[in-house]
Amino acid sequence: MSDMNVIDSLKERNILELMERAGKITLENHGDVISLERAVFLSWWCERGDCAFCYMSTQKPRIKDPSRARRNINAILAEAEICRRIGWNIEFLSGGYGPSQEWK
């Protein structure tokens, strides 16, 4: 199926057909074992804020006061514990760059 056919299928709402195809490709390339992973952010602020792959880059324009973008330690620990209990791997921790990351 070409890229154009995929787009046409989406427009025609042939979602089940596309999901079946995606499932076959996944099984062929990766087998039937999956892991669910999550990044845990220690803050929502990053001074750089220019990484195309990072969620924090999408938040930088929305944050007026970087010192208020720090997460509460209890919320971070609760998120990590929930991930552990539901069997998700924590792929990485991200704290961003810049002086607003200092814990007081």
PDB file of N, CA and C in Angstrom:
ATOM      1  N   MET A   1       0.857  -1.168   0.000  1.00  0.00           N
ATOM      2  CA  MET A   1       0.000   0.000   0.000  1.00  0.00           C
ATOM      3  C   MET A   1       0.905   1.234   0.000  1.00  0.00           C
ATOM      4  N   SER A   2       0.749   2.113  -0.943  1.00  0.00           N
ATOM      5  CA  SER A   2       1.571   3.315  -1.027  1.00  0.00           C
ATOM      6  C   SER A   2       1.109   4.335   0.014  1.00  0.00           C
ATOM      7  N   ASP A   3       1.934   5.383   0.208  1.00  0.00           N
ATOM      8  CA  ASP A   3       1.569   6.434   1.154  1.00  0.00           C
ATOM      9  C   ASP A   3       0.242   7.080   0.783  1.00  0.00           C
ATOM     10  N   MET A   4       0.030   7.290  -0.492  1.00  0.00           N
ATOM     11  CA  MET A   4      -1.219   7.909  -0.930  1.00  0.00           C
ATOM     12  C   MET A   4      -2.408   7.015  -0.599  1.00  0.00           C
ATOM     13  N   ASN A   5      -2.236   5.698  -0.757  1.00  0.00           N
ATOM     14  CA  ASN A   5      -3.316   4.776  -0.411  1.00  0.00           C
ATOM     15  C   ASN A   5      -3.610   4.795   1.087  1.00  0.00           C
ATOM     16  N   VAL A   6      -2.568   4.982   1.914  1.00  0.00           N
ATOM     17  CA  VAL A   6      -2.772   5.075   3.357  1.00  0.00           C
ATOM     18  C   VAL A   6      -3.613   6.308   3.670  1.00  0.00           C
ATOM     19  N   ILE A   7      -3.272   7.431   3.051  1.00  0.00           N
ATOM     20  CA  ILE A   7      -4.033   8.663   3.262  1.00  0.00           C
ATOM     21  C   ILE A   7      -5.469   8.491   2.789  1.00  0.00           C
ATOM     22  N   ASP A   8      -5.648   7.880   1.617  1.00  0.00           N
ATOM     23  CA  ASP A   8      -6.995   7.637   1.111  1.00  0.00           C
ATOM     24  C   ASP A   8      -7.771   6.734   2.066  1.00  0.00           C
ATOM     25  N   SER A   9      -7.102   5.701   2.586  1.00  0.00           N
ATOM     26  CA  SER A   9      -7.763   4.796   3.525  1.00  0.00           C
ATOM     27  C   SER A   9      -8.187   5.527   4.790  1.00  0.00           C
ATOM     28  N   LEU A  10      -7.329   6.446   5.264  1.00  0.00           N
ATOM     29  CA  LEU A  10      -7.702   7.228   6.440  1.00  0.00           C
ATOM     30  C   LEU A  10      -8.916   8.091   6.149  1.00  0.00           C
ATOM     31  N   LYS A  11      -8.916   8.691   4.967  1.00  0.00           N
ATOM     32  CA  LYS A  11     -10.060   9.528   4.591  1.00  0.00           C
ATOM     33  C   LYS A  11     -11.329   8.704   4.486  1.00  0.00           C
ATOM     34  N   GLU A  12     -11.170   7.460   4.030  1.00  0.00           N
ATOM     35  CA  GLU A  12     -12.330   6.582   3.879  1.00  0.00           C
ATOM     36  C   GLU A  12     -12.656   5.846   5.178  1.00  0.00           C
ATOM     37  N   ARG A  13     -11.870   6.105   6.201  1.00  0.00           N
ATOM     38  CA  ARG A  13     -12.093   5.507   7.521  1.00  0.00           C
ATOM     39  C   ARG A  13     -11.928   3.985   7.524  1.00  0.00           C
ATOM     40  N   ASN A  14     -10.975   3.497   6.741  1.00  0.00           N
ATOM     41  CA  ASN A  14     -10.662   2.065   6.746  1.00  0.00           C
ATOM     42  C   ASN A  14      -9.651   1.776   7.859  1.00  0.00           C
ATOM     43  N   ILE A  15      -9.976   2.207   9.045  1.00  0.00           N
ATOM     44  CA  ILE A  15      -9.058   2.127  10.174  1.00  0.00           C
ATOM     45  C   ILE A  15      -8.742   0.675  10.538  1.00  0.00           C
ATOM     46  N   LEU A  16      -9.721  -0.187  10.542  1.00  0.00           N
ATOM     47  CA  LEU A  16      -9.465  -1.591  10.905  1.00  0.00           C
ATOM     48  C   LEU A  16      -8.487  -2.234   9.939  1.00  0.00           C
ATOM     49  N   GLU A  17      -8.627  -1.942   8.679  1.00  0.00           N
ATOM     50  CA  GLU A  17      -7.698  -2.484   7.673  1.00  0.00           C
ATOM     51  C   GLU A  17      -6.276  -1.967   7.939  1.00  0.00           C
ATOM     52  N   LEU A  18      -6.158  -0.671   8.241  1.00  0.00           N
ATOM     53  CA  LEU A  18      -4.847  -0.091   8.525  1.00  0.00           C
ATOM     54  C   LEU A  18      -4.253  -0.669   9.802  1.00  0.00           C
ATOM     55  N   MET A  19      -5.076  -0.877  10.815  1.00  0.00           N
ATOM     56  CA  MET A  19      -4.590  -1.460  12.066  1.00  0.00           C
ATOM     57  C   MET A  19      -4.120  -2.889  11.852  1.00  0.00           C
ATOM     58  N   GLU A  20      -4.833  -3.638  11.044  1.00  0.00           N
ATOM     59  CA  GLU A  20      -4.431  -5.011  10.745  1.00  0.00           C
ATOM     60  C   GLU A  20      -3.085  -5.015  10.040  1.00  0.00           C
ATOM     61  N   ARG A  21      -2.923  -4.113   9.079  1.00  0.00           N
ATOM     62  CA  ARG A  21      -1.662  -4.016   8.345  1.00  0.00           C
ATOM     63  C   ARG A  21      -0.527  -3.609   9.287  1.00  0.00           C
ATOM     64  N   ALA A  22      -0.782  -2.627  10.150  1.00  0.00           N
ATOM     65  CA  ALA A  22       0.227  -2.183  11.111  1.00  0.00           C
ATOM     66  C   ALA A  22       0.606  -3.320  12.058  1.00  0.00           C
ATOM     67  N   GLY A  23      -0.380  -4.101  12.480  1.00  0.00           N
ATOM     68  CA  GLY A  23      -0.114  -5.240  13.354  1.00  0.00           C
ATOM     69  C   GLY A  23       0.782  -6.272  12.694  1.00  0.00           C
ATOM     70  N   LYS A  24       0.536  -6.577  11.431  1.00  0.00           N
ATOM     71  CA  LYS A  24       1.369  -7.539  10.696  1.00  0.00           C
ATOM     72  C   LYS A  24       2.806  -7.041  10.559  1.00  0.00           C
ATOM     73  N   ILE A  25       2.953  -5.766  10.221  1.00  0.00           N
ATOM     74  CA  ILE A  25       4.295  -5.187  10.077  1.00  0.00           C
ATOM     75  C   ILE A  25       5.039  -5.216  11.406  1.00  0.00           C
ATOM     76  N   THR A  26       4.342  -4.879  12.489  1.00  0.00           N
ATOM     77  CA  THR A  26       4.960  -4.885  13.814  1.00  0.00           C
ATOM     78  C   THR A  26       5.406  -6.286  14.197  1.00  0.00           C
ATOM     79  N   LEU A  27       4.542  -7.281  13.992  1.00  0.00           N
ATOM     80  CA  LEU A  27       4.905  -8.663  14.324  1.00  0.00           C
ATOM     81  C   LEU A  27       6.099  -9.140  13.508  1.00  0.00           C
ATOM     82  N   GLU A  28       6.131  -8.794  12.220  1.00  0.00           N
ATOM     83  CA  GLU A  28       7.250  -9.209  11.362  1.00  0.00           C
ATOM     84  C   GLU A  28       8.570  -8.591  11.807  1.00  0.00           C
ATOM     85  N   ASN A  29       8.529  -7.337  12.231  1.00  0.00           N
ATOM     86  CA  ASN A  29       9.759  -6.611  12.544  1.00  0.00           C
ATOM     87  C   ASN A  29      10.161  -6.658  14.013  1.00  0.00           C
ATOM     88  N   HIS A  30       9.196  -6.836  14.915  1.00  0.00           N
ATOM     89  CA  HIS A  30       9.510  -6.728  16.334  1.00  0.00           C
ATOM     90  C   HIS A  30       9.010  -7.892  17.179  1.00  0.00           C
ATOM     91  N   GLY A  31       8.278  -8.810  16.613  1.00  0.00           N
ATOM     92  CA  GLY A  31       7.744  -9.910  17.394  1.00  0.00           C
ATOM     93  C   GLY A  31       6.504  -9.495  18.174  1.00  0.00           C
ATOM     94  N   ASP A  32       6.101 -10.352  19.116  1.00  0.00           N
ATOM     95  CA  ASP A  32       4.847 -10.097  19.821  1.00  0.00           C
ATOM     96  C   ASP A  32       5.049  -9.610  21.262  1.00  0.00           C
ATOM     97  N   VAL A  33       6.245  -9.110  21.565  1.00  0.00           N
ATOM     98  CA  VAL A  33       6.524  -8.594  22.899  1.00  0.00           C
ATOM     99  C   VAL A  33       6.636  -7.075  22.811  1.00  0.00           C
ATOM    100  N   ILE A  34       5.906  -6.389  23.662  1.00  0.00           N
ATOM    101  CA  ILE A  34       5.979  -4.933  23.697  1.00  0.00           C
ATOM    102  C   ILE A  34       6.266  -4.477  25.118  1.00  0.00           C
ATOM    103  N   SER A  35       6.754  -3.277  25.234  1.00  0.00           N
ATOM    104  CA  SER A  35       6.879  -2.672  26.551  1.00  0.00           C
ATOM    105  C   SER A  35       6.334  -1.252  26.448  1.00  0.00           C
ATOM    106  N   LEU A  36       5.662  -0.837  27.482  1.00  0.00           N
ATOM    107  CA  LEU A  36       5.147   0.525  27.538  1.00  0.00           C
ATOM    108  C   LEU A  36       6.125   1.344  28.350  1.00  0.00           C
ATOM    109  N   GLU A  37       6.511   2.486  27.815  1.00  0.00           N
ATOM    110  CA  GLU A  37       7.521   3.307  28.460  1.00  0.00           C
ATOM    111  C   GLU A  37       7.030   4.740  28.593  1.00  0.00           C
ATOM    112  N   ARG A  38       7.605   5.442  29.526  1.00  0.00           N
ATOM    113  CA  ARG A  38       7.183   6.802  29.809  1.00  0.00           C
ATOM    114  C   ARG A  38       8.393   7.612  30.256  1.00  0.00           C
ATOM    115  N   ALA A  39       8.414   8.861  29.879  1.00  0.00           N
ATOM    116  CA  ALA A  39       9.403   9.800  30.390  1.00  0.00           C
ATOM    117  C   ALA A  39       8.802  10.482  31.611  1.00  0.00           C
ATOM    118  N   VAL A  40       9.602  10.696  32.611  1.00  0.00           N
ATOM    119  CA  VAL A  40       9.150  11.425  33.790  1.00  0.00           C
ATOM    120  C   VAL A  40       9.862  12.774  33.779  1.00  0.00           C
ATOM    121  N   PHE A  41       9.075  13.837  33.786  1.00  0.00           N
ATOM    122  CA  PHE A  41       9.619  15.186  33.763  1.00  0.00           C
ATOM    123  C   PHE A  41       9.692  15.722  35.188  1.00  0.00           C
ATOM    124  N   LEU A  42      10.860  16.234  35.540  1.00  0.00           N
ATOM    125  CA  LEU A  42      11.057  16.814  36.862  1.00  0.00           C
ATOM    126  C   LEU A  42      10.580  18.260  36.895  1.00  0.00           C
ATOM    127  N   SER A  43      10.410  18.825  35.725  1.00  0.00           N
ATOM    128  CA  SER A  43       9.961  20.196  35.570  1.00  0.00           C
ATOM    129  C   SER A  43       9.306  20.298  34.202  1.00  0.00           C
ATOM    130  N   TRP A  44       8.561  21.349  33.970  1.00  0.00           N
ATOM    131  CA  TRP A  44       7.976  21.591  32.642  1.00  0.00           C
ATOM    132  C   TRP A  44       8.765  22.648  31.887  1.00  0.00           C
ATOM    133  N   TRP A  45       9.856  23.142  32.458  1.00  0.00           N
ATOM    134  CA  TRP A  45      10.619  24.235  31.875  1.00  0.00           C
ATOM    135  C   TRP A  45      11.994  23.769  31.408  1.00  0.00           C
ATOM    136  N   CYS A  46      12.426  24.300  30.278  1.00  0.00           N
ATOM    137  CA  CYS A  46      13.784  24.118  29.798  1.00  0.00           C
ATOM    138  C   CYS A  46      14.210  25.433  29.155  1.00  0.00           C
ATOM    139  N   GLU A  47      15.361  25.944  29.596  1.00  0.00           N
ATOM    140  CA  GLU A  47      15.839  27.218  29.078  1.00  0.00           C
ATOM    141  C   GLU A  47      16.091  27.146  27.570  1.00  0.00           C
ATOM    142  N   ARG A  48      16.579  26.010  27.095  1.00  0.00           N
ATOM    143  CA  ARG A  48      16.831  25.860  25.662  1.00  0.00           C
ATOM    144  C   ARG A  48      15.514  25.861  24.893  1.00  0.00           C
ATOM    145  N   GLY A  49      14.680  24.883  25.194  1.00  0.00           N
ATOM    146  CA  GLY A  49      13.347  24.836  24.591  1.00  0.00           C
ATOM    147  C   GLY A  49      13.332  24.788  23.078  1.00  0.00           C
ATOM    148  N   ASP A  50      14.371  24.181  22.471  1.00  0.00           N
ATOM    149  CA  ASP A  50      14.426  24.148  21.010  1.00  0.00           C
ATOM    150  C   ASP A  50      14.628  22.749  20.439  1.00  0.00           C
ATOM    151  N   CYS A  51      14.446  21.733  21.252  1.00  0.00           N
ATOM    152  CA  CYS A  51      14.615  20.348  20.783  1.00  0.00           C
ATOM    153  C   CYS A  51      13.315  19.874  20.144  1.00  0.00           C
ATOM    154  N   ALA A  52      13.391  19.467  18.892  1.00  0.00           N
ATOM    155  CA  ALA A  52      12.195  19.081  18.148  1.00  0.00           C
ATOM    156  C   ALA A  52      11.502  17.859  18.749  1.00  0.00           C
ATOM    157  N   PHE A  53      12.242  17.016  19.463  1.00  0.00           N
ATOM    158  CA  PHE A  53      11.678  15.779  19.995  1.00  0.00           C
ATOM    159  C   PHE A  53      11.120  15.901  21.403  1.00  0.00           C
ATOM    160  N   CYS A  54      11.328  17.037  22.058  1.00  0.00           N
ATOM    161  CA  CYS A  54      11.042  17.126  23.491  1.00  0.00           C
ATOM    162  C   CYS A  54       9.737  17.853  23.791  1.00  0.00           C
ATOM    163  N   TYR A  55       8.973  17.268  24.697  1.00  0.00           N
ATOM    164  CA  TYR A  55       7.708  17.865  25.124  1.00  0.00           C
ATOM    165  C   TYR A  55       7.910  19.232  25.763  1.00  0.00           C
ATOM    166  N   MET A  56       9.000  19.387  26.518  1.00  0.00           N
ATOM    167  CA  MET A  56       9.229  20.671  27.193  1.00  0.00           C
ATOM    168  C   MET A  56       9.370  21.820  26.199  1.00  0.00           C
ATOM    169  N   SER A  57       9.871  21.536  25.007  1.00  0.00           N
ATOM    170  CA  SER A  57       9.984  22.582  23.988  1.00  0.00           C
ATOM    171  C   SER A  57       8.617  23.114  23.576  1.00  0.00           C
ATOM    172  N   THR A  58       7.610  22.274  23.673  1.00  0.00           N
ATOM    173  CA  THR A  58       6.264  22.723  23.319  1.00  0.00           C
ATOM    174  C   THR A  58       5.655  23.575  24.419  1.00  0.00           C
ATOM    175  N   GLN A  59       6.199  23.472  25.622  1.00  0.00           N
ATOM    176  CA  GLN A  59       5.646  24.187  26.769  1.00  0.00           C
ATOM    177  C   GLN A  59       6.303  25.539  27.032  1.00  0.00           C
ATOM    178  N   LYS A  60       7.542  25.718  26.565  1.00  0.00           N
ATOM    179  CA  LYS A  60       8.286  26.937  26.876  1.00  0.00           C
ATOM    180  C   LYS A  60       7.516  28.221  26.566  1.00  0.00           C
ATOM    181  N   PRO A  61       6.879  28.341  25.386  1.00  0.00           N
ATOM    182  CA  PRO A  61       6.160  29.583  25.104  1.00  0.00           C
ATOM    183  C   PRO A  61       4.962  29.822  26.028  1.00  0.00           C
ATOM    184  N   ARG A  62       4.463  28.777  26.655  1.00  0.00           N
ATOM    185  CA  ARG A  62       3.281  28.881  27.505  1.00  0.00           C
ATOM    186  C   ARG A  62       3.613  29.235  28.953  1.00  0.00           C
ATOM    187  N   ILE A  63       4.892  29.139  29.333  1.00  0.00           N
ATOM    188  CA  ILE A  63       5.287  29.331  30.726  1.00  0.00           C
ATOM    189  C   ILE A  63       5.826  30.743  30.907  1.00  0.00           C
ATOM    190  N   LYS A  64       5.128  31.522  31.708  1.00  0.00           N
ATOM    191  CA  LYS A  64       5.514  32.915  31.967  1.00  0.00           C
ATOM    192  C   LYS A  64       6.541  33.020  33.101  1.00  0.00           C
ATOM    193  N   ASP A  65       6.420  32.166  34.123  1.00  0.00           N
ATOM    194  CA  ASP A  65       7.311  32.207  35.279  1.00  0.00           C
ATOM    195  C   ASP A  65       7.963  30.826  35.449  1.00  0.00           C
ATOM    196  N   PRO A  66       9.204  30.661  34.939  1.00  0.00           N
ATOM    197  CA  PRO A  66       9.865  29.355  34.999  1.00  0.00           C
ATOM    198  C   PRO A  66      10.004  28.787  36.409  1.00  0.00           C
ATOM    199  N   SER A  67      10.102  29.633  37.417  1.00  0.00           N
ATOM    200  CA  SER A  67      10.258  29.113  38.779  1.00  0.00           C
ATOM    201  C   SER A  67       9.010  28.355  39.238  1.00  0.00           C
ATOM    202  N   ARG A  68       7.872  28.629  38.618  1.00  0.00           N
ATOM    203  CA  ARG A  68       6.630  27.941  38.980  1.00  0.00           C
ATOM    204  C   ARG A  68       6.416  26.676  38.146  1.00  0.00           C
ATOM    205  N   ALA A  69       7.343  26.377  37.242  1.00  0.00           N
ATOM    206  CA  ALA A  69       7.202  25.199  36.388  1.00  0.00           C
ATOM    207  C   ALA A  69       7.822  23.950  37.004  1.00  0.00           C
ATOM    208  N   ARG A  70       8.444  24.105  38.170  1.00  0.00           N
ATOM    209  CA  ARG A  70       8.999  22.930  38.850  1.00  0.00           C
ATOM    210  C   ARG A  70       7.864  22.062  39.368  1.00  0.00           C
ATOM    211  N   ARG A  71       8.057  20.760  39.289  1.00  0.00           N
ATOM    212  CA  ARG A  71       7.046  19.845  39.814  1.00  0.00           C
ATOM    213  C   ARG A  71       7.306  19.569  41.282  1.00  0.00           C
ATOM    214  N   ASN A  72       6.263  19.276  41.991  1.00  0.00           N
ATOM    215  CA  ASN A  72       6.328  18.892  43.391  1.00  0.00           C
ATOM    216  C   ASN A  72       6.950  17.499  43.469  1.00  0.00           C
ATOM    217  N   ILE A  73       7.879  17.308  44.404  1.00  0.00           N
ATOM    218  CA  ILE A  73       8.560  16.015  44.538  1.00  0.00           C
ATOM    219  C   ILE A  73       7.571  14.886  44.795  1.00  0.00           C
ATOM    220  N   ASN A  74       6.496  15.155  45.534  1.00  0.00           N
ATOM    221  CA  ASN A  74       5.499  14.108  45.793  1.00  0.00           C
ATOM    222  C   ASN A  74       4.798  13.673  44.507  1.00  0.00           C
ATOM    223  N   ALA A  75       4.544  14.613  43.600  1.00  0.00           N
ATOM    224  CA  ALA A  75       3.899  14.275  42.335  1.00  0.00           C
ATOM    225  C   ALA A  75       4.829  13.436  41.463  1.00  0.00           C
ATOM    226  N   ILE A  76       6.123  13.759  41.482  1.00  0.00           N
ATOM    227  CA  ILE A  76       7.099  12.987  40.702  1.00  0.00           C
ATOM    228  C   ILE A  76       7.178  11.559  41.227  1.00  0.00           C
ATOM    229  N   LEU A  77       7.286  11.420  42.545  1.00  0.00           N
ATOM    230  CA  LEU A  77       7.366  10.084  43.145  1.00  0.00           C
ATOM    231  C   LEU A  77       6.081   9.287  42.919  1.00  0.00           C
ATOM    232  N   ALA A  78       4.938   9.953  43.007  1.00  0.00           N
ATOM    233  CA  ALA A  78       3.661   9.267  42.766  1.00  0.00           C
ATOM    234  C   ALA A  78       3.597   8.771  41.322  1.00  0.00           C
ATOM    235  N   GLU A  79       4.041   9.599  40.382  1.00  0.00           N
ATOM    236  CA  GLU A  79       4.041   9.173  38.974  1.00  0.00           C
ATOM    237  C   GLU A  79       4.948   7.957  38.773  1.00  0.00           C
ATOM    238  N   ALA A  80       6.131   7.972  39.381  1.00  0.00           N
ATOM    239  CA  ALA A  80       7.050   6.837  39.266  1.00  0.00           C
ATOM    240  C   ALA A  80       6.440   5.576  39.879  1.00  0.00           C
ATOM    241  N   GLU A  81       5.778   5.719  41.009  1.00  0.00           N
ATOM    242  CA  GLU A  81       5.150   4.565  41.669  1.00  0.00           C
ATOM    243  C   GLU A  81       3.999   4.005  40.831  1.00  0.00           C
ATOM    244  N   ILE A  82       3.207   4.873  40.257  1.00  0.00           N
ATOM    245  CA  ILE A  82       2.118   4.407  39.383  1.00  0.00           C
ATOM    246  C   ILE A  82       2.692   3.635  38.198  1.00  0.00           C
ATOM    247  N   CYS A  83       3.757   4.164  37.600  1.00  0.00           N
ATOM    248  CA  CYS A  83       4.403   3.461  36.481  1.00  0.00           C
ATOM    249  C   CYS A  83       4.874   2.077  36.909  1.00  0.00           C
ATOM    250  N   ARG A  84       5.486   1.987  38.092  1.00  0.00           N
ATOM    251  CA  ARG A  84       5.965   0.696  38.596  1.00  0.00           C
ATOM    252  C   ARG A  84       4.810  -0.275  38.778  1.00  0.00           C
ATOM    253  N   ARG A  85       3.721   0.192  39.374  1.00  0.00           N
ATOM    254  CA  ARG A  85       2.585  -0.688  39.666  1.00  0.00           C
ATOM    255  C   ARG A  85       1.881  -1.186  38.412  1.00  0.00           C
ATOM    256  N   ILE A  86       1.845  -0.373  37.368  1.00  0.00           N
ATOM    257  CA  ILE A  86       1.155  -0.821  36.152  1.00  0.00           C
ATOM    258  C   ILE A  86       2.117  -1.464  35.153  1.00  0.00           C
ATOM    259  N   GLY A  87       3.392  -1.575  35.542  1.00  0.00           N
ATOM    260  CA  GLY A  87       4.352  -2.311  34.728  1.00  0.00           C
ATOM    261  C   GLY A  87       4.965  -1.534  33.575  1.00  0.00           C
ATOM    262  N   TRP A  88       4.885  -0.214  33.631  1.00  0.00           N
ATOM    263  CA  TRP A  88       5.516   0.590  32.583  1.00  0.00           C
ATOM    264  C   TRP A  88       6.962   0.860  32.955  1.00  0.00           C
ATOM    265  N   ASN A  89       7.830   0.851  31.954  1.00  0.00           N
ATOM    266  CA  ASN A  89       9.225   1.219  32.166  1.00  0.00           C
ATOM    267  C   ASN A  89       9.349   2.735  32.140  1.00  0.00           C
ATOM    268  N   ILE A  90      10.199   3.262  33.008  1.00  0.00           N
ATOM    269  CA  ILE A  90      10.530   4.685  32.922  1.00  0.00           C
ATOM    270  C   ILE A  90      11.730   4.772  32.004  1.00  0.00           C
ATOM    271  N   GLU A  91      11.500   5.350  30.834  1.00  0.00           N
ATOM    272  CA  GLU A  91      12.542   5.394  29.808  1.00  0.00           C
ATOM    273  C   GLU A  91      13.638   6.374  30.187  1.00  0.00           C
ATOM    274  N   PHE A  92      13.256   7.537  30.670  1.00  0.00           N
ATOM    275  CA  PHE A  92      14.252   8.501  31.107  1.00  0.00           C
ATOM    276  C   PHE A  92      13.616   9.555  32.010  1.00  0.00           C
ATOM    277  N   LEU A  93      14.463  10.234  32.760  1.00  0.00           N
ATOM    278  CA  LEU A  93      14.067  11.388  33.559  1.00  0.00           C
ATOM    279  C   LEU A  93      14.583  12.618  32.830  1.00  0.00           C
ATOM    280  N   SER A  94      13.801  13.661  32.820  1.00  0.00           N
ATOM    281  CA  SER A  94      14.235  14.887  32.166  1.00  0.00           C
ATOM    282  C   SER A  94      13.986  16.067  33.082  1.00  0.00           C
ATOM    283  N   GLY A  95      15.014  16.866  33.271  1.00  0.00           N
ATOM    284  CA  GLY A  95      14.892  18.021  34.144  1.00  0.00           C
ATOM    285  C   GLY A  95      15.050  19.337  33.422  1.00  0.00           C
ATOM    286  N   GLY A  96      15.404  19.296  32.153  1.00  0.00           N
ATOM    287  CA  GLY A  96      15.601  20.534  31.418  1.00  0.00           C
ATOM    288  C   GLY A  96      16.907  21.214  31.781  1.00  0.00           C
ATOM    289  N   TYR A  97      17.164  22.339  31.159  1.00  0.00           N
ATOM    290  CA  TYR A  97      18.363  23.129  31.396  1.00  0.00           C
ATOM    291  C   TYR A  97      17.961  24.486  31.951  1.00  0.00           C
ATOM    292  N   GLY A  98      18.835  25.055  32.735  1.00  0.00           N
ATOM    293  CA  GLY A  98      18.609  26.416  33.186  1.00  0.00           C
ATOM    294  C   GLY A  98      18.510  26.527  34.688  1.00  0.00           C
ATOM    295  N   PRO A  99      18.681  27.748  35.191  1.00  0.00           N
ATOM    296  CA  PRO A  99      18.717  27.968  36.634  1.00  0.00           C
ATOM    297  C   PRO A  99      17.382  27.739  37.339  1.00  0.00           C
ATOM    298  N   SER A 100      16.287  27.715  36.625  1.00  0.00           N
ATOM    299  CA  SER A 100      14.996  27.514  37.297  1.00  0.00           C
ATOM    300  C   SER A 100      14.839  26.082  37.795  1.00  0.00           C
ATOM    301  N   GLN A 101      15.817  25.232  37.490  1.00  0.00           N
ATOM    302  CA  GLN A 101      15.731  23.833  37.904  1.00  0.00           C
ATOM    303  C   GLN A 101      16.235  23.596  39.314  1.00  0.00           C
ATOM    304  N   GLU A 102      16.807  24.617  39.942  1.00  0.00           N
ATOM    305  CA  GLU A 102      17.364  24.441  41.286  1.00  0.00           C
ATOM    306  C   GLU A 102      16.248  24.201  42.298  1.00  0.00           C
ATOM    307  N   TRP A 103      16.433  23.167  43.124  1.00  0.00           N
ATOM    308  CA  TRP A 103      15.460  22.877  44.182  1.00  0.00           C
ATOM    309  C   TRP A 103      15.839  23.688  45.405  1.00  0.00           C
ATOM    310  N   LYS A 104      14.844  24.249  46.037  1.00  0.00           N
ATOM    311  CA  LYS A 104      15.106  25.057  47.234  1.00  0.00           C
ATOM    312  C   LYS A 104      14.512  24.396  48.438  1.00  0.00           C
TER     313      LYS A 104
END
